[in-house]
């Protein structure tokens, strides 16, 4: 029998998040790392708002791709009409129109992302209500459909923290998720993204610590790592919160 064993840590939530790396301490327990935020929008005795910026998107590239796709779409349509002369049937026109429609769809998607999608999808935590509010914009791959905004709200006591690693090409790095469980259990009902870091888990642990300490009614300092916004093109703020949710998430009972 060995003198000691080196057991690998195991996820405690069911089901665990894909590519799990680490469980955070319970949000009502003493935290193990100093609290720190990367960005901070608002902080007072009632609520805190933390921005979630879409930093993985090259907004200039999105805009330019929309313009180039529009130009190419027009070119495809003109090319189909030009090549149709002297050809029986209308198959060149059909080919040109099909290519133009596909490129116009791509252009519309890119321009809608650039001009319509909010670049800040914040979290609010109200320690008087002991609830968390998640602002989310539901982007679809079909630009012709409406892309709705939803706001979810959960009891903070039911939220656990998990860190995963994403190997996705456009979203690679460590991600901190809030996992909402059935009350008094570790059975996960749903999850939402809190923050992400490309190369280290340390900042994510500090963010979880900060939110937990704040919701425990302990004092925290308003000194985030980053000040202002993360991009020099001044990203738009989130869309307006519904009036009833704005009032509930920013005021005491």
C-alpha atoms as a PDB file:
ATOM      1  CA  UNK A   1       0.000   0.000   0.000  1.00  0.00           C
ATOM      2  CA  UNK A   2       1.485   3.398  -0.999  1.00  0.00           C
ATOM      3  CA  UNK A   3       2.379   5.853   1.728  1.00  0.00           C
ATOM      4  CA  UNK A   4       0.398   8.611   0.033  1.00  0.00           C
ATOM      5  CA  UNK A   5      -1.739   9.171  -3.032  1.00  0.00           C
ATOM      6  CA  UNK A   6      -1.903  12.052  -5.491  1.00  0.00           C
ATOM      7  CA  UNK A   7      -5.596  12.260  -6.246  1.00  0.00           C
ATOM      8  CA  UNK A   8      -6.573  14.529  -9.119  1.00  0.00           C
ATOM      9  CA  UNK A   9      -9.176  17.152  -8.162  1.00  0.00           C
ATOM     10  CA  UNK A  10     -12.641  16.300  -9.433  1.00  0.00           C
ATOM     11  CA  UNK A  11     -15.532  18.615 -10.333  1.00  0.00           C
ATOM     12  CA  UNK A  12     -18.240  18.706  -7.701  1.00  0.00           C
ATOM     13  CA  UNK A  13     -21.123  19.927  -9.863  1.00  0.00           C
ATOM     14  CA  UNK A  14     -23.378  17.657 -11.874  1.00  0.00           C
ATOM     15  CA  UNK A  15     -22.995  17.722 -14.783  1.00  0.00           C
ATOM     16  CA  UNK A  16     -19.532  19.356 -14.754  1.00  0.00           C
ATOM     17  CA  UNK A  17     -18.777  22.003 -17.309  1.00  0.00           C
ATOM     18  CA  UNK A  18     -16.997  20.888 -20.491  1.00  0.00           C
ATOM     19  CA  UNK A  19     -13.187  21.139 -20.236  1.00  0.00           C
ATOM     20  CA  UNK A  20     -13.446  21.756 -16.484  1.00  0.00           C
ATOM     21  CA  UNK A  21     -10.354  23.080 -14.735  1.00  0.00           C
ATOM     22  CA  UNK A  22     -11.326  24.310 -11.277  1.00  0.00           C
ATOM     23  CA  UNK A  23     -14.246  24.818  -8.885  1.00  0.00           C
ATOM     24  CA  UNK A  24     -14.428  28.105  -7.027  1.00  0.00           C
ATOM     25  CA  UNK A  25     -15.081  28.272  -3.258  1.00  0.00           C
ATOM     26  CA  UNK A  26     -18.751  28.559  -2.320  1.00  0.00           C
ATOM     27  CA  UNK A  27     -19.812  32.190  -2.604  1.00  0.00           C
ATOM     28  CA  UNK A  28     -20.783  32.352   1.099  1.00  0.00           C
ATOM     29  CA  UNK A  29     -17.434  30.964   2.308  1.00  0.00           C
ATOM     30  CA  UNK A  30     -14.185  32.841   3.043  1.00  0.00           C
ATOM     31  CA  UNK A  31     -12.353  33.392  -0.229  1.00  0.00           C
ATOM     32  CA  UNK A  32      -8.833  32.096  -0.806  1.00  0.00           C
ATOM     33  CA  UNK A  33      -7.397  34.865  -3.020  1.00  0.00           C
ATOM     34  CA  UNK A  34      -7.422  38.677  -2.792  1.00  0.00           C
ATOM     35  CA  UNK A  35     -10.501  40.207  -4.470  1.00  0.00           C
ATOM     36  CA  UNK A  36      -9.846  42.096  -7.698  1.00  0.00           C
ATOM     37  CA  UNK A  37     -11.761  43.119 -10.836  1.00  0.00           C
ATOM     38  CA  UNK A  38     -10.451  43.797 -14.315  1.00  0.00           C
ATOM     39  CA  UNK A  39     -13.203  46.320 -15.133  1.00  0.00           C
ATOM     40  CA  UNK A  40     -15.861  48.017 -13.035  1.00  0.00           C
ATOM     41  CA  UNK A  41     -18.826  50.139 -14.121  1.00  0.00           C
ATOM     42  CA  UNK A  42     -20.677  50.937 -10.873  1.00  0.00           C
ATOM     43  CA  UNK A  43     -20.204  50.212  -7.180  1.00  0.00           C
ATOM     44  CA  UNK A  44     -22.248  51.308  -4.173  1.00  0.00           C
ATOM     45  CA  UNK A  45     -23.777  49.832  -1.038  1.00  0.00           C
ATOM     46  CA  UNK A  46     -26.722  48.340  -2.979  1.00  0.00           C
ATOM     47  CA  UNK A  47     -25.417  46.968  -6.274  1.00  0.00           C
ATOM     48  CA  UNK A  48     -22.360  46.440  -8.407  1.00  0.00           C
ATOM     49  CA  UNK A  49     -22.179  46.350 -12.212  1.00  0.00           C
ATOM     50  CA  UNK A  50     -19.362  44.547 -13.999  1.00  0.00           C
ATOM     51  CA  UNK A  51     -18.991  44.910 -17.776  1.00  0.00           C
ATOM     52  CA  UNK A  52     -18.400  41.971 -20.084  1.00  0.00           C
ATOM     53  CA  UNK A  53     -16.709  43.429 -23.161  1.00  0.00           C
ATOM     54  CA  UNK A  54     -16.600  41.586 -26.486  1.00  0.00           C
ATOM     55  CA  UNK A  55     -12.832  41.859 -26.779  1.00  0.00           C
ATOM     56  CA  UNK A  56     -12.408  38.782 -29.005  1.00  0.00           C
ATOM     57  CA  UNK A  57     -13.971  40.579 -31.999  1.00  0.00           C
ATOM     58  CA  UNK A  58     -11.972  42.809 -34.344  1.00  0.00           C
ATOM     59  CA  UNK A  59     -14.629  45.447 -34.872  1.00  0.00           C
ATOM     60  CA  UNK A  60     -12.730  47.219 -37.645  1.00  0.00           C
ATOM     61  CA  UNK A  61     -12.343  43.872 -39.413  1.00  0.00           C
ATOM     62  CA  UNK A  62     -16.073  43.166 -39.046  1.00  0.00           C
ATOM     63  CA  UNK A  63     -16.924  46.546 -40.572  1.00  0.00           C
ATOM     64  CA  UNK A  64     -14.480  46.160 -43.471  1.00  0.00           C
ATOM     65  CA  UNK A  65     -15.706  42.636 -44.224  1.00  0.00           C
ATOM     66  CA  UNK A  66     -19.262  43.993 -44.461  1.00  0.00           C
ATOM     67  CA  UNK A  67     -18.184  46.699 -46.928  1.00  0.00           C
ATOM     68  CA  UNK A  68     -16.116  44.304 -49.042  1.00  0.00           C
ATOM     69  CA  UNK A  69     -18.909  41.712 -49.138  1.00  0.00           C
ATOM     70  CA  UNK A  70     -21.337  44.400 -50.320  1.00  0.00           C
ATOM     71  CA  UNK A  71     -18.996  45.423 -53.131  1.00  0.00           C
ATOM     72  CA  UNK A  72     -18.438  41.807 -54.181  1.00  0.00           C
ATOM     73  CA  UNK A  73     -22.193  41.136 -54.116  1.00  0.00           C
ATOM     74  CA  UNK A  74     -22.806  44.003 -56.531  1.00  0.00           C
ATOM     75  CA  UNK A  75     -19.954  42.745 -58.691  1.00  0.00           C
ATOM     76  CA  UNK A  76     -21.441  39.221 -58.833  1.00  0.00           C
ATOM     77  CA  UNK A  77     -24.808  40.592 -59.931  1.00  0.00           C
ATOM     78  CA  UNK A  78     -23.291  42.782 -62.661  1.00  0.00           C
ATOM     79  CA  UNK A  79     -21.024  39.937 -63.804  1.00  0.00           C
ATOM     80  CA  UNK A  80     -24.030  37.609 -64.193  1.00  0.00           C
ATOM     81  CA  UNK A  81     -25.889  40.141 -66.344  1.00  0.00           C
ATOM     82  CA  UNK A  82     -22.808  40.846 -68.464  1.00  0.00           C
ATOM     83  CA  UNK A  83     -22.007  37.173 -69.102  1.00  0.00           C
ATOM     84  CA  UNK A  84     -25.617  36.360 -69.972  1.00  0.00           C
ATOM     85  CA  UNK A  85     -25.381  38.131 -73.342  1.00  0.00           C
ATOM     86  CA  UNK A  86     -25.284  35.593 -76.141  1.00  0.00           C
ATOM     87  CA  UNK A  87     -26.021  32.638 -73.813  1.00  0.00           C
ATOM     88  CA  UNK A  88     -29.256  30.667 -74.078  1.00  0.00           C
ATOM     89  CA  UNK A  89     -31.377  30.514 -70.943  1.00  0.00           C
ATOM     90  CA  UNK A  90     -30.857  32.495 -67.789  1.00  0.00           C
ATOM     91  CA  UNK A  91     -28.426  30.318 -65.908  1.00  0.00           C
ATOM     92  CA  UNK A  92     -25.669  32.989 -65.787  1.00  0.00           C
ATOM     93  CA  UNK A  93     -28.125  35.448 -64.262  1.00  0.00           C
ATOM     94  CA  UNK A  94     -29.200  32.795 -61.749  1.00  0.00           C
ATOM     95  CA  UNK A  95     -25.582  32.103 -60.816  1.00  0.00           C
ATOM     96  CA  UNK A  96     -24.834  35.791 -60.419  1.00  0.00           C
ATOM     97  CA  UNK A  97     -27.969  36.406 -58.371  1.00  0.00           C
ATOM     98  CA  UNK A  98     -27.236  33.403 -56.120  1.00  0.00           C
ATOM     99  CA  UNK A  99     -23.698  34.589 -55.454  1.00  0.00           C
ATOM    100  CA  UNK A 100     -24.888  38.139 -54.869  1.00  0.00           C
ATOM    101  CA  UNK A 101     -27.547  36.974 -52.374  1.00  0.00           C
ATOM    102  CA  UNK A 102     -24.988  34.940 -50.403  1.00  0.00           C
ATOM    103  CA  UNK A 103     -22.569  37.857 -50.241  1.00  0.00           C
ATOM    104  CA  UNK A 104     -25.313  40.332 -49.325  1.00  0.00           C
ATOM    105  CA  UNK A 105     -26.320  38.000 -46.474  1.00  0.00           C
ATOM    106  CA  UNK A 106     -22.712  37.960 -45.231  1.00  0.00           C
ATOM    107  CA  UNK A 107     -22.497  41.748 -45.576  1.00  0.00           C
ATOM    108  CA  UNK A 108     -25.757  42.269 -43.704  1.00  0.00           C
ATOM    109  CA  UNK A 109     -24.587  39.977 -40.898  1.00  0.00           C
ATOM    110  CA  UNK A 110     -21.274  41.819 -40.496  1.00  0.00           C
ATOM    111  CA  UNK A 111     -22.842  45.280 -40.592  1.00  0.00           C
ATOM    112  CA  UNK A 112     -25.578  44.252 -38.161  1.00  0.00           C
ATOM    113  CA  UNK A 113     -22.937  42.947 -35.732  1.00  0.00           C
ATOM    114  CA  UNK A 114     -21.014  46.224 -36.060  1.00  0.00           C
ATOM    115  CA  UNK A 115     -23.910  48.697 -35.832  1.00  0.00           C
ATOM    116  CA  UNK A 116     -26.555  46.848 -33.768  1.00  0.00           C
ATOM    117  CA  UNK A 117     -24.926  44.377 -31.368  1.00  0.00           C
ATOM    118  CA  UNK A 118     -24.165  45.907 -27.948  1.00  0.00           C
ATOM    119  CA  UNK A 119     -20.505  45.500 -27.068  1.00  0.00           C
ATOM    120  CA  UNK A 120     -21.110  45.530 -23.333  1.00  0.00           C
ATOM    121  CA  UNK A 121     -23.272  42.784 -21.824  1.00  0.00           C
ATOM    122  CA  UNK A 122     -22.986  43.494 -18.092  1.00  0.00           C
ATOM    123  CA  UNK A 123     -23.643  41.636 -14.877  1.00  0.00           C
ATOM    124  CA  UNK A 124     -25.339  43.300 -11.931  1.00  0.00           C
ATOM    125  CA  UNK A 125     -25.270  41.944  -8.391  1.00  0.00           C
ATOM    126  CA  UNK A 126     -27.678  43.427  -5.854  1.00  0.00           C
ATOM    127  CA  UNK A 127     -26.637  42.512  -2.328  1.00  0.00           C
ATOM    128  CA  UNK A 128     -29.838  43.855  -0.783  1.00  0.00           C
ATOM    129  CA  UNK A 129     -31.891  41.421  -2.861  1.00  0.00           C
ATOM    130  CA  UNK A 130     -29.059  38.839  -2.950  1.00  0.00           C
ATOM    131  CA  UNK A 131     -29.674  38.347  -6.673  1.00  0.00           C
ATOM    132  CA  UNK A 132     -27.585  38.452  -9.833  1.00  0.00           C
ATOM    133  CA  UNK A 133     -28.859  39.909 -13.131  1.00  0.00           C
ATOM    134  CA  UNK A 134     -27.318  38.857 -16.466  1.00  0.00           C
ATOM    135  CA  UNK A 135     -27.747  41.025 -19.567  1.00  0.00           C
ATOM    136  CA  UNK A 136     -27.436  38.937 -22.747  1.00  0.00           C
ATOM    137  CA  UNK A 137     -27.752  39.668 -26.453  1.00  0.00           C
ATOM    138  CA  UNK A 138     -28.736  36.578 -28.411  1.00  0.00           C
ATOM    139  CA  UNK A 139     -26.969  36.832 -31.755  1.00  0.00           C
ATOM    140  CA  UNK A 140     -28.050  34.386 -34.459  1.00  0.00           C
ATOM    141  CA  UNK A 141     -26.230  33.267 -37.591  1.00  0.00           C
ATOM    142  CA  UNK A 142     -29.304  34.338 -39.569  1.00  0.00           C
ATOM    143  CA  UNK A 143     -29.112  38.126 -39.895  1.00  0.00           C
ATOM    144  CA  UNK A 144     -32.654  38.406 -41.256  1.00  0.00           C
ATOM    145  CA  UNK A 145     -34.140  37.326 -37.914  1.00  0.00           C
ATOM    146  CA  UNK A 146     -34.539  39.557 -34.882  1.00  0.00           C
ATOM    147  CA  UNK A 147     -31.685  39.240 -32.392  1.00  0.00           C
ATOM    148  CA  UNK A 148     -33.407  39.644 -29.018  1.00  0.00           C
ATOM    149  CA  UNK A 149     -32.064  40.817 -25.682  1.00  0.00           C
ATOM    150  CA  UNK A 150     -32.793  38.765 -22.565  1.00  0.00           C
ATOM    151  CA  UNK A 151     -32.133  39.479 -18.894  1.00  0.00           C
ATOM    152  CA  UNK A 152     -31.915  36.567 -16.505  1.00  0.00           C
ATOM    153  CA  UNK A 153     -32.043  36.812 -12.727  1.00  0.00           C
ATOM    154  CA  UNK A 154     -31.093  34.214 -10.095  1.00  0.00           C
ATOM    155  CA  UNK A 155     -30.653  33.928  -6.352  1.00  0.00           C
ATOM    156  CA  UNK A 156     -26.967  34.425  -5.607  1.00  0.00           C
ATOM    157  CA  UNK A 157     -27.064  31.590  -3.057  1.00  0.00           C
ATOM    158  CA  UNK A 158     -27.759  29.124  -5.895  1.00  0.00           C
ATOM    159  CA  UNK A 159     -24.763  30.218  -8.006  1.00  0.00           C
ATOM    160  CA  UNK A 160     -21.501  28.247  -7.997  1.00  0.00           C
ATOM    161  CA  UNK A 161     -18.290  29.181  -9.804  1.00  0.00           C
ATOM    162  CA  UNK A 162     -16.443  26.989 -12.313  1.00  0.00           C
ATOM    163  CA  UNK A 163     -13.417  27.626 -14.520  1.00  0.00           C
ATOM    164  CA  UNK A 164     -13.059  25.877 -17.863  1.00  0.00           C
ATOM    165  CA  UNK A 165     -10.548  26.074 -20.711  1.00  0.00           C
ATOM    166  CA  UNK A 166     -11.782  26.750 -24.229  1.00  0.00           C
ATOM    167  CA  UNK A 167      -9.657  25.688 -27.186  1.00  0.00           C
ATOM    168  CA  UNK A 168     -11.978  27.368 -29.667  1.00  0.00           C
ATOM    169  CA  UNK A 169      -9.983  29.259 -32.278  1.00  0.00           C
ATOM    170  CA  UNK A 170     -11.841  32.544 -31.809  1.00  0.00           C
ATOM    171  CA  UNK A 171     -12.504  32.270 -28.089  1.00  0.00           C
ATOM    172  CA  UNK A 172      -9.446  30.521 -26.686  1.00  0.00           C
ATOM    173  CA  UNK A 173      -8.531  30.782 -23.036  1.00  0.00           C
ATOM    174  CA  UNK A 174      -9.835  30.319 -19.503  1.00  0.00           C
ATOM    175  CA  UNK A 175     -13.459  31.166 -18.744  1.00  0.00           C
ATOM    176  CA  UNK A 176     -15.217  31.705 -15.435  1.00  0.00           C
ATOM    177  CA  UNK A 177     -18.828  30.534 -15.442  1.00  0.00           C
ATOM    178  CA  UNK A 178     -21.601  30.991 -12.942  1.00  0.00           C
ATOM    179  CA  UNK A 179     -23.454  27.684 -12.607  1.00  0.00           C
ATOM    180  CA  UNK A 180     -26.983  27.962 -11.249  1.00  0.00           C
ATOM    181  CA  UNK A 181     -27.962  24.900  -9.189  1.00  0.00           C
ATOM    182  CA  UNK A 182     -31.176  23.648  -7.712  1.00  0.00           C
ATOM    183  CA  UNK A 183     -31.439  25.100  -4.180  1.00  0.00           C
ATOM    184  CA  UNK A 184     -29.359  23.141  -1.676  1.00  0.00           C
ATOM    185  CA  UNK A 185     -27.852  20.816  -4.317  1.00  0.00           C
ATOM    186  CA  UNK A 186     -24.986  20.634  -6.816  1.00  0.00           C
ATOM    187  CA  UNK A 187     -27.323  19.790  -9.709  1.00  0.00           C
ATOM    188  CA  UNK A 188     -26.771  22.414 -12.413  1.00  0.00           C
ATOM    189  CA  UNK A 189     -29.803  24.008 -14.039  1.00  0.00           C
ATOM    190  CA  UNK A 190     -28.055  26.521 -16.321  1.00  0.00           C
ATOM    191  CA  UNK A 191     -24.796  28.419 -16.725  1.00  0.00           C
ATOM    192  CA  UNK A 192     -23.678  31.907 -17.741  1.00  0.00           C
ATOM    193  CA  UNK A 193     -20.308  33.466 -18.540  1.00  0.00           C
ATOM    194  CA  UNK A 194     -18.848  35.823 -15.938  1.00  0.00           C
ATOM    195  CA  UNK A 195     -15.384  36.598 -17.344  1.00  0.00           C
ATOM    196  CA  UNK A 196     -12.587  35.189 -19.476  1.00  0.00           C
ATOM    197  CA  UNK A 197      -8.808  35.424 -19.590  1.00  0.00           C
ATOM    198  CA  UNK A 198      -6.605  34.213 -22.415  1.00  0.00           C
ATOM    199  CA  UNK A 199      -3.605  32.867 -20.489  1.00  0.00           C
ATOM    200  CA  UNK A 200      -4.198  32.648 -16.720  1.00  0.00           C
ATOM    201  CA  UNK A 201      -6.772  31.503 -14.185  1.00  0.00           C
ATOM    202  CA  UNK A 202      -5.507  33.862 -11.475  1.00  0.00           C
ATOM    203  CA  UNK A 203      -7.546  36.895 -12.555  1.00  0.00           C
ATOM    204  CA  UNK A 204     -10.702  34.787 -12.781  1.00  0.00           C
ATOM    205  CA  UNK A 205     -10.195  33.557  -9.211  1.00  0.00           C
ATOM    206  CA  UNK A 206      -9.785  37.159  -8.072  1.00  0.00           C
ATOM    207  CA  UNK A 207     -12.968  38.206  -9.879  1.00  0.00           C
ATOM    208  CA  UNK A 208     -14.974  35.434  -8.212  1.00  0.00           C
ATOM    209  CA  UNK A 209     -13.472  36.408  -4.868  1.00  0.00           C
ATOM    210  CA  UNK A 210     -14.453  40.063  -5.397  1.00  0.00           C
ATOM    211  CA  UNK A 211     -18.078  39.282  -6.257  1.00  0.00           C
ATOM    212  CA  UNK A 212     -18.401  36.861  -3.348  1.00  0.00           C
ATOM    213  CA  UNK A 213     -16.861  39.267  -0.835  1.00  0.00           C
ATOM    214  CA  UNK A 214     -19.136  42.077  -2.026  1.00  0.00           C
ATOM    215  CA  UNK A 215     -22.268  39.923  -1.731  1.00  0.00           C
ATOM    216  CA  UNK A 216     -21.199  38.927   1.797  1.00  0.00           C
ATOM    217  CA  UNK A 217     -21.612  42.635   2.710  1.00  0.00           C
ATOM    218  CA  UNK A 218     -17.871  43.022   3.242  1.00  0.00           C
ATOM    219  CA  UNK A 219     -16.065  46.110   2.010  1.00  0.00           C
ATOM    220  CA  UNK A 220     -14.333  46.113  -1.381  1.00  0.00           C
ATOM    221  CA  UNK A 221     -12.326  48.806  -3.115  1.00  0.00           C
ATOM    222  CA  UNK A 222     -13.179  50.405  -6.449  1.00  0.00           C
ATOM    223  CA  UNK A 223      -9.741  49.946  -8.017  1.00  0.00           C
ATOM    224  CA  UNK A 224     -10.065  47.675 -11.068  1.00  0.00           C
ATOM    225  CA  UNK A 225      -7.003  46.635 -13.033  1.00  0.00           C
ATOM    226  CA  UNK A 226      -8.232  48.417 -16.162  1.00  0.00           C
ATOM    227  CA  UNK A 227      -9.824  51.860 -16.236  1.00  0.00           C
ATOM    228  CA  UNK A 228     -12.081  53.162 -18.962  1.00  0.00           C
ATOM    229  CA  UNK A 229     -12.939  50.823 -21.803  1.00  0.00           C
ATOM    230  CA  UNK A 230     -10.794  48.185 -23.498  1.00  0.00           C
ATOM    231  CA  UNK A 231     -10.922  49.565 -27.060  1.00  0.00           C
ATOM    232  CA  UNK A 232      -9.873  52.876 -28.592  1.00  0.00           C
ATOM    233  CA  UNK A 233     -12.978  53.022 -30.828  1.00  0.00           C
ATOM    234  CA  UNK A 234     -15.192  53.716 -27.792  1.00  0.00           C
ATOM    235  CA  UNK A 235     -17.640  50.789 -27.870  1.00  0.00           C
ATOM    236  CA  UNK A 236     -21.305  51.487 -27.308  1.00  0.00           C
ATOM    237  CA  UNK A 237     -22.843  50.687 -23.961  1.00  0.00           C
ATOM    238  CA  UNK A 238     -25.437  47.969 -23.556  1.00  0.00           C
ATOM    239  CA  UNK A 239     -28.973  48.614 -24.665  1.00  0.00           C
ATOM    240  CA  UNK A 240     -31.304  50.057 -22.049  1.00  0.00           C
ATOM    241  CA  UNK A 241     -32.462  47.713 -19.320  1.00  0.00           C
ATOM    242  CA  UNK A 242     -36.253  47.342 -19.046  1.00  0.00           C
ATOM    243  CA  UNK A 243     -37.601  49.871 -16.565  1.00  0.00           C
ATOM    244  CA  UNK A 244     -38.818  47.312 -14.019  1.00  0.00           C
ATOM    245  CA  UNK A 245     -35.527  45.360 -14.152  1.00  0.00           C
ATOM    246  CA  UNK A 246     -33.507  48.576 -13.935  1.00  0.00           C
ATOM    247  CA  UNK A 247     -35.355  49.537 -10.761  1.00  0.00           C
ATOM    248  CA  UNK A 248     -35.154  46.081  -9.179  1.00  0.00           C
ATOM    249  CA  UNK A 249     -31.470  45.528  -9.915  1.00  0.00           C
ATOM    250  CA  UNK A 250     -30.280  48.930  -8.629  1.00  0.00           C
ATOM    251  CA  UNK A 251     -32.441  49.558  -5.547  1.00  0.00           C
ATOM    252  CA  UNK A 252     -32.995  48.000  -2.131  1.00  0.00           C
ATOM    253  CA  UNK A 253     -36.244  46.188  -1.304  1.00  0.00           C
END
